[in-house]
Amino acid sequence: MPKMKTHRGAAKRVKKTGTGKIVCYHAYKSHILEKKSSKRKRALRKSAIMHTTDAKRIERLIAYVK
């Protein structure tokens, strides 16, 4: 059985932490920013830890990414 290939699109968007959790970035930060409050936009800059149910799917795509 050959090795799995890393899904490069997913690998560019997420990272794994030292404990194995998956870190991603918030959506809704690219356009239509006038109506969003400064507080909301500031919060969207920060990274987020992906929910475990979503992380299981992403785990397979980025199996070899550290």
N, C-alpha and C. Protein backbone atom coordinates (compact mmCIF):
# COMPACT_ATOMS: atom_id res chain seq x y z
N MET A 1 0.85 -1.19 0.00
CA MET A 1 0.00 0.00 0.00
C MET A 1 0.89 1.25 0.00
N PRO A 2 0.69 2.17 -0.95
CA PRO A 2 1.52 3.38 -0.99
C PRO A 2 1.15 4.35 0.14
N LYS A 3 2.05 5.29 0.40
CA LYS A 3 1.78 6.31 1.41
C LYS A 3 0.65 7.21 0.94
N MET A 4 -0.04 7.81 1.92
CA MET A 4 -1.05 8.81 1.59
C MET A 4 -0.34 10.10 1.22
N LYS A 5 -0.95 10.90 0.36
CA LYS A 5 -0.38 12.19 0.03
C LYS A 5 -1.05 13.26 0.90
N THR A 6 -0.27 14.24 1.30
CA THR A 6 -0.81 15.36 2.05
C THR A 6 -1.62 16.24 1.12
N HIS A 7 -2.79 16.64 1.57
CA HIS A 7 -3.62 17.56 0.80
C HIS A 7 -3.03 18.96 0.97
N ARG A 8 -2.37 19.46 -0.07
CA ARG A 8 -1.60 20.69 0.04
C ARG A 8 -2.47 21.91 0.35
N GLY A 9 -3.68 21.93 -0.18
CA GLY A 9 -4.58 23.05 0.09
C GLY A 9 -4.94 23.12 1.57
N ALA A 10 -5.19 21.97 2.17
CA ALA A 10 -5.52 21.92 3.60
C ALA A 10 -4.29 22.24 4.44
N ALA A 11 -3.13 21.76 4.03
CA ALA A 11 -1.90 21.96 4.79
C ALA A 11 -1.52 23.44 4.87
N LYS A 12 -1.89 24.22 3.85
CA LYS A 12 -1.57 25.65 3.86
C LYS A 12 -2.51 26.44 4.75
N ARG A 13 -3.64 25.86 5.10
CA ARG A 13 -4.67 26.57 5.86
C ARG A 13 -4.70 26.24 7.34
N VAL A 14 -4.14 25.11 7.72
CA VAL A 14 -4.20 24.69 9.13
C VAL A 14 -2.83 24.24 9.62
N LYS A 15 -2.66 24.24 10.96
CA LYS A 15 -1.42 23.76 11.57
C LYS A 15 -1.79 22.85 12.72
N LYS A 16 -0.85 22.02 13.12
CA LYS A 16 -1.05 21.19 14.31
C LYS A 16 -0.27 21.81 15.46
N THR A 17 -0.83 21.74 16.65
CA THR A 17 -0.13 22.22 17.84
C THR A 17 0.74 21.08 18.37
N GLY A 18 1.50 21.37 19.37
CA GLY A 18 2.35 20.34 19.98
C GLY A 18 1.55 19.20 20.58
N THR A 19 0.35 19.49 21.05
CA THR A 19 -0.49 18.44 21.65
C THR A 19 -1.36 17.71 20.63
N GLY A 20 -1.26 18.14 19.35
CA GLY A 20 -1.99 17.44 18.29
C GLY A 20 -3.32 18.08 17.90
N LYS A 21 -3.67 19.19 18.54
CA LYS A 21 -4.90 19.88 18.15
C LYS A 21 -4.65 20.62 16.84
N ILE A 22 -5.73 20.93 16.12
CA ILE A 22 -5.59 21.61 14.84
C ILE A 22 -6.00 23.07 14.98
N VAL A 23 -5.13 23.96 14.54
CA VAL A 23 -5.36 25.40 14.62
C VAL A 23 -5.72 25.91 13.24
N CYS A 24 -6.78 26.70 13.17
CA CYS A 24 -7.21 27.28 11.90
C CYS A 24 -7.46 28.77 12.10
N TYR A 25 -7.84 29.44 11.05
CA TYR A 25 -8.11 30.88 11.12
C TYR A 25 -9.59 31.13 10.90
N HIS A 26 -10.06 32.24 11.43
CA HIS A 26 -11.48 32.57 11.33
C HIS A 26 -11.87 32.97 9.91
N ALA A 27 -13.10 32.67 9.56
CA ALA A 27 -13.68 33.10 8.28
C ALA A 27 -14.27 34.50 8.45
N TYR A 28 -14.81 35.05 7.38
CA TYR A 28 -15.52 36.35 7.38
C TYR A 28 -14.60 37.54 7.65
N LYS A 29 -13.36 37.48 7.20
CA LYS A 29 -12.43 38.58 7.44
C LYS A 29 -11.91 39.17 6.14
N SER A 30 -12.41 38.75 4.99
CA SER A 30 -11.81 39.19 3.73
C SER A 30 -12.51 40.37 3.06
N HIS A 31 -13.81 40.51 3.21
CA HIS A 31 -14.51 41.64 2.58
C HIS A 31 -15.78 41.94 3.34
N ILE A 32 -16.47 43.03 2.93
CA ILE A 32 -17.66 43.56 3.63
C ILE A 32 -17.30 43.83 5.09
N LEU A 33 -16.23 44.63 5.28
CA LEU A 33 -15.72 44.87 6.63
C LEU A 33 -16.29 46.15 7.26
N GLU A 34 -16.92 47.00 6.46
CA GLU A 34 -17.44 48.27 7.00
C GLU A 34 -18.50 48.07 8.06
N LYS A 35 -19.37 47.11 7.84
CA LYS A 35 -20.49 46.91 8.78
C LYS A 35 -20.08 46.12 10.02
N LYS A 36 -18.92 45.51 9.99
CA LYS A 36 -18.46 44.74 11.16
C LYS A 36 -17.75 45.67 12.14
N SER A 37 -17.97 45.45 13.40
CA SER A 37 -17.37 46.32 14.42
C SER A 37 -15.87 46.06 14.52
N SER A 38 -15.15 47.04 15.05
CA SER A 38 -13.70 46.91 15.23
C SER A 38 -13.39 45.74 16.15
N LYS A 39 -14.20 45.58 17.17
CA LYS A 39 -14.00 44.49 18.14
C LYS A 39 -14.12 43.14 17.44
N ARG A 40 -15.13 43.02 16.57
CA ARG A 40 -15.35 41.77 15.86
C ARG A 40 -14.21 41.46 14.90
N LYS A 41 -13.75 42.49 14.18
CA LYS A 41 -12.64 42.31 13.22
C LYS A 41 -11.34 41.95 13.94
N ARG A 42 -11.12 42.54 15.09
CA ARG A 42 -9.93 42.25 15.90
C ARG A 42 -9.96 40.79 16.36
N ALA A 43 -11.13 40.32 16.75
CA ALA A 43 -11.27 38.94 17.22
C ALA A 43 -11.06 37.94 16.08
N LEU A 44 -11.44 38.34 14.85
CA LEU A 44 -11.30 37.45 13.70
C LEU A 44 -9.84 37.28 13.26
N ARG A 45 -8.96 38.21 13.69
CA ARG A 45 -7.54 38.10 13.35
C ARG A 45 -6.88 36.91 14.01
N LYS A 46 -7.35 36.57 15.20
CA LYS A 46 -6.72 35.52 16.00
C LYS A 46 -7.05 34.15 15.43
N SER A 47 -6.17 33.20 15.70
CA SER A 47 -6.42 31.83 15.25
C SER A 47 -7.37 31.14 16.23
N ALA A 48 -7.94 30.05 15.80
CA ALA A 48 -8.89 29.31 16.62
C ALA A 48 -8.54 27.83 16.61
N ILE A 49 -8.90 27.13 17.66
CA ILE A 49 -8.70 25.68 17.68
C ILE A 49 -9.94 25.04 17.08
N MET A 50 -9.72 24.18 16.10
CA MET A 50 -10.81 23.56 15.37
C MET A 50 -11.56 22.58 16.26
N HIS A 51 -12.87 22.52 16.08
CA HIS A 51 -13.70 21.61 16.84
C HIS A 51 -13.30 20.17 16.54
N THR A 52 -13.40 19.30 17.52
CA THR A 52 -12.90 17.91 17.37
C THR A 52 -13.58 17.15 16.24
N THR A 53 -14.88 17.41 16.00
CA THR A 53 -15.58 16.69 14.94
C THR A 53 -15.05 17.05 13.56
N ASP A 54 -14.68 18.33 13.38
CA ASP A 54 -14.10 18.76 12.10
C ASP A 54 -12.64 18.32 12.02
N ALA A 55 -11.97 18.33 13.15
CA ALA A 55 -10.55 18.00 13.19
C ALA A 55 -10.28 16.57 12.73
N LYS A 56 -11.21 15.66 13.00
CA LYS A 56 -11.03 14.26 12.59
C LYS A 56 -10.93 14.14 11.07
N ARG A 57 -11.75 14.92 10.35
CA ARG A 57 -11.70 14.88 8.89
C ARG A 57 -10.41 15.48 8.36
N ILE A 58 -10.01 16.60 8.94
CA ILE A 58 -8.81 17.31 8.50
C ILE A 58 -7.56 16.50 8.82
N GLU A 59 -7.60 15.75 9.91
CA GLU A 59 -6.47 14.92 10.34
C GLU A 59 -6.00 14.00 9.22
N ARG A 60 -6.95 13.42 8.49
CA ARG A 60 -6.61 12.51 7.39
C ARG A 60 -5.94 13.24 6.24
N LEU A 61 -6.37 14.48 5.99
CA LEU A 61 -5.82 15.24 4.88
C LEU A 61 -4.37 15.69 5.14
N ILE A 62 -4.06 15.96 6.41
CA ILE A 62 -2.73 16.47 6.75
C ILE A 62 -2.00 15.50 7.66
N ALA A 63 -2.04 14.23 7.32
CA ALA A 63 -1.49 13.18 8.18
C ALA A 63 -0.01 13.38 8.50
N TYR A 64 0.78 13.90 7.59
CA TYR A 64 2.22 13.98 7.81
C TYR A 64 2.71 15.37 8.21
N VAL A 65 1.80 16.34 8.32
CA VAL A 65 2.18 17.69 8.70
C VAL A 65 2.39 17.74 10.21
N LYS A 66 3.47 18.40 10.64
CA LYS A 66 3.75 18.45 12.07
C LYS A 66 3.13 19.63 12.74
